[in-house]
N, C-alpha and C. Protein backbone atom coordinates (compact mmCIF):
# COMPACT_ATOMS: atom_id res chain seq x y z
N MET A 1 143.15 106.23 94.43
CA MET A 1 143.03 107.51 93.76
C MET A 1 141.77 107.56 92.88
N VAL A 2 141.49 106.46 92.21
CA VAL A 2 140.32 106.40 91.34
C VAL A 2 139.06 106.64 92.16
N ARG A 3 138.99 106.06 93.33
CA ARG A 3 137.82 106.21 94.19
C ARG A 3 137.60 107.66 94.59
N ILE A 4 138.66 108.38 94.88
CA ILE A 4 138.57 109.78 95.27
C ILE A 4 137.98 110.62 94.14
N LEU A 5 138.36 110.34 92.91
CA LEU A 5 137.83 111.07 91.77
C LEU A 5 136.42 110.63 91.39
N TYR A 6 136.14 109.36 91.59
CA TYR A 6 134.86 108.79 91.17
C TYR A 6 133.70 109.26 92.04
N LYS A 7 133.90 109.37 93.34
CA LYS A 7 132.81 109.71 94.25
C LYS A 7 132.16 111.06 93.96
N PRO A 8 132.92 112.16 93.83
CA PRO A 8 132.25 113.44 93.55
C PRO A 8 131.54 113.46 92.20
N LEU A 9 132.14 112.83 91.22
CA LEU A 9 131.48 112.77 89.91
C LEU A 9 130.23 111.90 89.98
N GLY A 10 130.27 110.83 90.76
CA GLY A 10 129.11 109.98 90.93
C GLY A 10 127.95 110.73 91.58
N LEU A 11 128.27 111.58 92.54
CA LEU A 11 127.23 112.39 93.18
C LEU A 11 126.62 113.38 92.20
N LEU A 12 127.45 114.00 91.41
CA LEU A 12 126.97 114.97 90.41
C LEU A 12 126.08 114.27 89.38
N PHE A 13 126.56 113.16 88.86
CA PHE A 13 125.77 112.42 87.87
C PHE A 13 124.49 111.86 88.48
N GLY A 14 124.54 111.49 89.73
CA GLY A 14 123.35 111.01 90.42
C GLY A 14 122.28 112.09 90.52
N ALA A 15 122.69 113.31 90.83
CA ALA A 15 121.75 114.43 90.91
C ALA A 15 121.15 114.73 89.54
N LEU A 16 121.99 114.73 88.53
CA LEU A 16 121.49 114.95 87.17
C LEU A 16 120.56 113.81 86.74
N GLY A 17 120.89 112.61 87.17
CA GLY A 17 120.05 111.46 86.87
C GLY A 17 118.66 111.59 87.47
N GLY A 18 118.58 112.17 88.66
CA GLY A 18 117.28 112.40 89.28
C GLY A 18 116.41 113.33 88.46
N VAL A 19 117.03 114.35 87.91
CA VAL A 19 116.31 115.29 87.04
C VAL A 19 115.85 114.58 85.77
N VAL A 20 116.74 113.80 85.18
CA VAL A 20 116.40 113.06 83.96
C VAL A 20 115.28 112.05 84.24
N ALA A 21 115.39 111.33 85.34
CA ALA A 21 114.38 110.33 85.69
C ALA A 21 113.02 110.99 85.90
N GLY A 22 113.00 112.15 86.54
CA GLY A 22 111.75 112.86 86.74
C GLY A 22 111.10 113.25 85.42
N ALA A 23 111.92 113.72 84.48
CA ALA A 23 111.40 114.10 83.17
C ALA A 23 110.91 112.88 82.39
N VAL A 24 111.64 111.78 82.46
CA VAL A 24 111.24 110.56 81.77
C VAL A 24 109.93 110.04 82.34
N PHE A 25 109.80 110.03 83.67
CA PHE A 25 108.57 109.57 84.28
C PHE A 25 107.39 110.45 83.88
N LYS A 26 107.58 111.74 83.91
CA LYS A 26 106.49 112.66 83.55
C LYS A 26 106.02 112.41 82.12
N ARG A 27 106.97 112.22 81.22
CA ARG A 27 106.62 111.97 79.82
C ARG A 27 105.93 110.62 79.66
N LEU A 28 106.44 109.61 80.34
CA LEU A 28 105.85 108.28 80.27
C LEU A 28 104.43 108.29 80.84
N TRP A 29 104.23 109.00 81.93
CA TRP A 29 102.90 109.11 82.54
C TRP A 29 101.92 109.74 81.55
N ALA A 30 102.38 110.76 80.82
CA ALA A 30 101.53 111.42 79.82
C ALA A 30 101.26 110.47 78.64
N LEU A 31 102.27 109.70 78.24
CA LEU A 31 102.08 108.76 77.14
C LEU A 31 101.08 107.66 77.48
N LEU A 32 100.94 107.38 78.76
CA LEU A 32 99.98 106.37 79.20
C LEU A 32 98.56 106.92 79.23
N GLY A 33 98.40 108.16 78.82
CA GLY A 33 97.06 108.73 78.68
C GLY A 33 96.61 109.61 79.83
N HIS A 34 97.50 109.95 80.73
CA HIS A 34 97.12 110.80 81.85
C HIS A 34 97.39 112.26 81.50
N ARG A 35 96.39 113.09 81.63
CA ARG A 35 96.52 114.50 81.26
C ARG A 35 97.20 115.33 82.34
N ASP A 36 97.09 114.90 83.57
CA ASP A 36 97.66 115.67 84.66
C ASP A 36 98.86 114.94 85.27
N ASP A 37 99.45 115.58 86.25
CA ASP A 37 100.61 114.99 86.92
C ASP A 37 100.21 113.72 87.66
N ALA A 38 101.21 112.96 88.03
CA ALA A 38 100.97 111.74 88.81
C ALA A 38 100.29 112.13 90.12
N PRO A 39 99.44 111.27 90.62
CA PRO A 39 98.70 111.60 91.84
C PRO A 39 99.58 111.57 93.09
N ALA A 40 99.26 112.45 94.00
CA ALA A 40 99.88 112.39 95.32
C ALA A 40 99.25 111.22 96.07
N THR A 41 99.98 110.64 96.96
CA THR A 41 99.45 109.48 97.69
C THR A 41 98.28 109.85 98.58
N THR A 42 98.15 111.11 98.93
CA THR A 42 97.06 111.54 99.81
C THR A 42 95.92 112.22 99.06
N ASP A 43 95.93 112.16 97.74
CA ASP A 43 94.87 112.79 96.93
C ASP A 43 93.59 111.97 97.07
N PRO A 44 92.55 112.54 97.68
CA PRO A 44 91.33 111.77 97.90
C PRO A 44 90.53 111.51 96.63
N ASP A 45 90.84 112.22 95.56
CA ASP A 45 90.10 112.06 94.30
C ASP A 45 90.70 111.01 93.38
N ARG A 46 91.78 110.38 93.79
CA ARG A 46 92.43 109.36 92.96
C ARG A 46 92.23 107.99 93.57
N SER A 47 92.17 106.99 92.71
CA SER A 47 91.94 105.62 93.18
C SER A 47 93.25 105.00 93.67
N TRP A 48 93.09 103.91 94.44
CA TRP A 48 94.25 103.16 94.88
C TRP A 48 95.05 102.67 93.68
N THR A 49 94.36 102.19 92.68
CA THR A 49 95.03 101.65 91.50
C THR A 49 95.90 102.71 90.83
N GLU A 50 95.35 103.90 90.66
CA GLU A 50 96.11 104.96 90.00
C GLU A 50 97.31 105.40 90.83
N VAL A 51 97.12 105.54 92.12
CA VAL A 51 98.22 105.96 93.01
C VAL A 51 99.32 104.91 93.03
N LEU A 52 98.95 103.64 93.18
CA LEU A 52 99.97 102.59 93.26
C LEU A 52 100.64 102.33 91.92
N THR A 53 99.91 102.47 90.83
CA THR A 53 100.51 102.34 89.51
C THR A 53 101.54 103.44 89.27
N ALA A 54 101.19 104.65 89.63
CA ALA A 54 102.12 105.77 89.47
C ALA A 54 103.37 105.56 90.31
N ALA A 55 103.20 105.10 91.55
CA ALA A 55 104.34 104.88 92.43
C ALA A 55 105.26 103.78 91.89
N ALA A 56 104.67 102.70 91.42
CA ALA A 56 105.47 101.59 90.88
C ALA A 56 106.22 102.02 89.62
N LEU A 57 105.55 102.74 88.75
CA LEU A 57 106.20 103.21 87.52
C LEU A 57 107.32 104.19 87.83
N GLN A 58 107.06 105.10 88.75
CA GLN A 58 108.08 106.08 89.12
C GLN A 58 109.29 105.39 89.74
N GLY A 59 109.06 104.43 90.60
CA GLY A 59 110.17 103.69 91.21
C GLY A 59 110.98 102.94 90.18
N ALA A 60 110.31 102.32 89.23
CA ALA A 60 111.02 101.57 88.18
C ALA A 60 111.86 102.50 87.31
N VAL A 61 111.30 103.64 86.94
CA VAL A 61 112.03 104.59 86.10
C VAL A 61 113.26 105.12 86.85
N PHE A 62 113.09 105.50 88.11
CA PHE A 62 114.22 106.02 88.87
C PHE A 62 115.30 104.96 89.06
N ALA A 63 114.90 103.72 89.33
CA ALA A 63 115.88 102.64 89.51
C ALA A 63 116.64 102.37 88.21
N LEU A 64 115.93 102.38 87.09
CA LEU A 64 116.56 102.13 85.80
C LEU A 64 117.56 103.23 85.46
N VAL A 65 117.17 104.48 85.65
CA VAL A 65 118.07 105.59 85.35
C VAL A 65 119.28 105.56 86.28
N LYS A 66 119.06 105.28 87.56
CA LYS A 66 120.18 105.21 88.51
C LYS A 66 121.16 104.11 88.12
N ALA A 67 120.64 102.94 87.79
CA ALA A 67 121.52 101.84 87.39
C ALA A 67 122.31 102.17 86.13
N ALA A 68 121.65 102.81 85.16
CA ALA A 68 122.32 103.17 83.91
C ALA A 68 123.43 104.19 84.18
N ILE A 69 123.16 105.16 85.03
CA ILE A 69 124.16 106.19 85.33
C ILE A 69 125.32 105.60 86.13
N ASP A 70 125.01 104.80 87.13
CA ASP A 70 126.07 104.18 87.94
C ASP A 70 126.96 103.29 87.07
N ARG A 71 126.33 102.46 86.24
CA ARG A 71 127.10 101.56 85.38
C ARG A 71 127.91 102.34 84.36
N GLY A 72 127.29 103.34 83.75
CA GLY A 72 128.00 104.17 82.78
C GLY A 72 129.19 104.90 83.39
N GLY A 73 129.01 105.37 84.61
CA GLY A 73 130.11 106.05 85.31
C GLY A 73 131.26 105.11 85.60
N ALA A 74 130.94 103.90 86.01
CA ALA A 74 131.98 102.91 86.29
C ALA A 74 132.73 102.52 85.02
N VAL A 75 131.99 102.31 83.95
CA VAL A 75 132.63 101.96 82.67
C VAL A 75 133.49 103.11 82.17
N GLY A 76 132.97 104.33 82.28
CA GLY A 76 133.75 105.50 81.86
C GLY A 76 135.01 105.67 82.68
N THR A 77 134.91 105.43 83.97
CA THR A 77 136.08 105.52 84.84
C THR A 77 137.13 104.49 84.45
N ARG A 78 136.67 103.28 84.16
CA ARG A 78 137.62 102.25 83.75
C ARG A 78 138.30 102.60 82.44
N ARG A 79 137.54 103.17 81.51
CA ARG A 79 138.14 103.57 80.23
C ARG A 79 139.18 104.67 80.40
N LEU A 80 138.90 105.60 81.32
CA LEU A 80 139.83 106.71 81.54
C LEU A 80 141.05 106.34 82.36
N THR A 81 140.84 105.49 83.36
CA THR A 81 141.92 105.19 84.30
C THR A 81 142.48 103.79 84.20
N GLY A 82 141.72 102.90 83.59
CA GLY A 82 142.16 101.50 83.53
C GLY A 82 141.77 100.70 84.76
N ALA A 83 141.13 101.35 85.72
CA ALA A 83 140.72 100.66 86.96
C ALA A 83 139.23 100.80 87.17
N TRP A 84 138.63 99.72 87.67
CA TRP A 84 137.20 99.73 87.98
C TRP A 84 137.03 100.38 89.36
N PRO A 85 136.14 101.35 89.49
CA PRO A 85 135.95 101.97 90.79
C PRO A 85 135.30 101.01 91.78
N ASP A 86 135.70 101.09 93.04
CA ASP A 86 135.13 100.22 94.07
C ASP A 86 134.00 100.87 94.77
């Protein structure tokens, strides 16, 4: 029963997490001194270093936010139901 309730909420929180991760990455990119958005991988005016740095940073931010949301959801589910979701 816990799994049935956990899955839809996990999907909802995952979608919200994507929005949060995007905002965090954008802010972090600006804090690193970049005035514009992260470069597209096909932007001919950007260097390899800038494109790959942006990709690595974005991946790390999204992975961190996803892990935090997944873990928080599991902990919250256990607190509410007494069972760890599988």
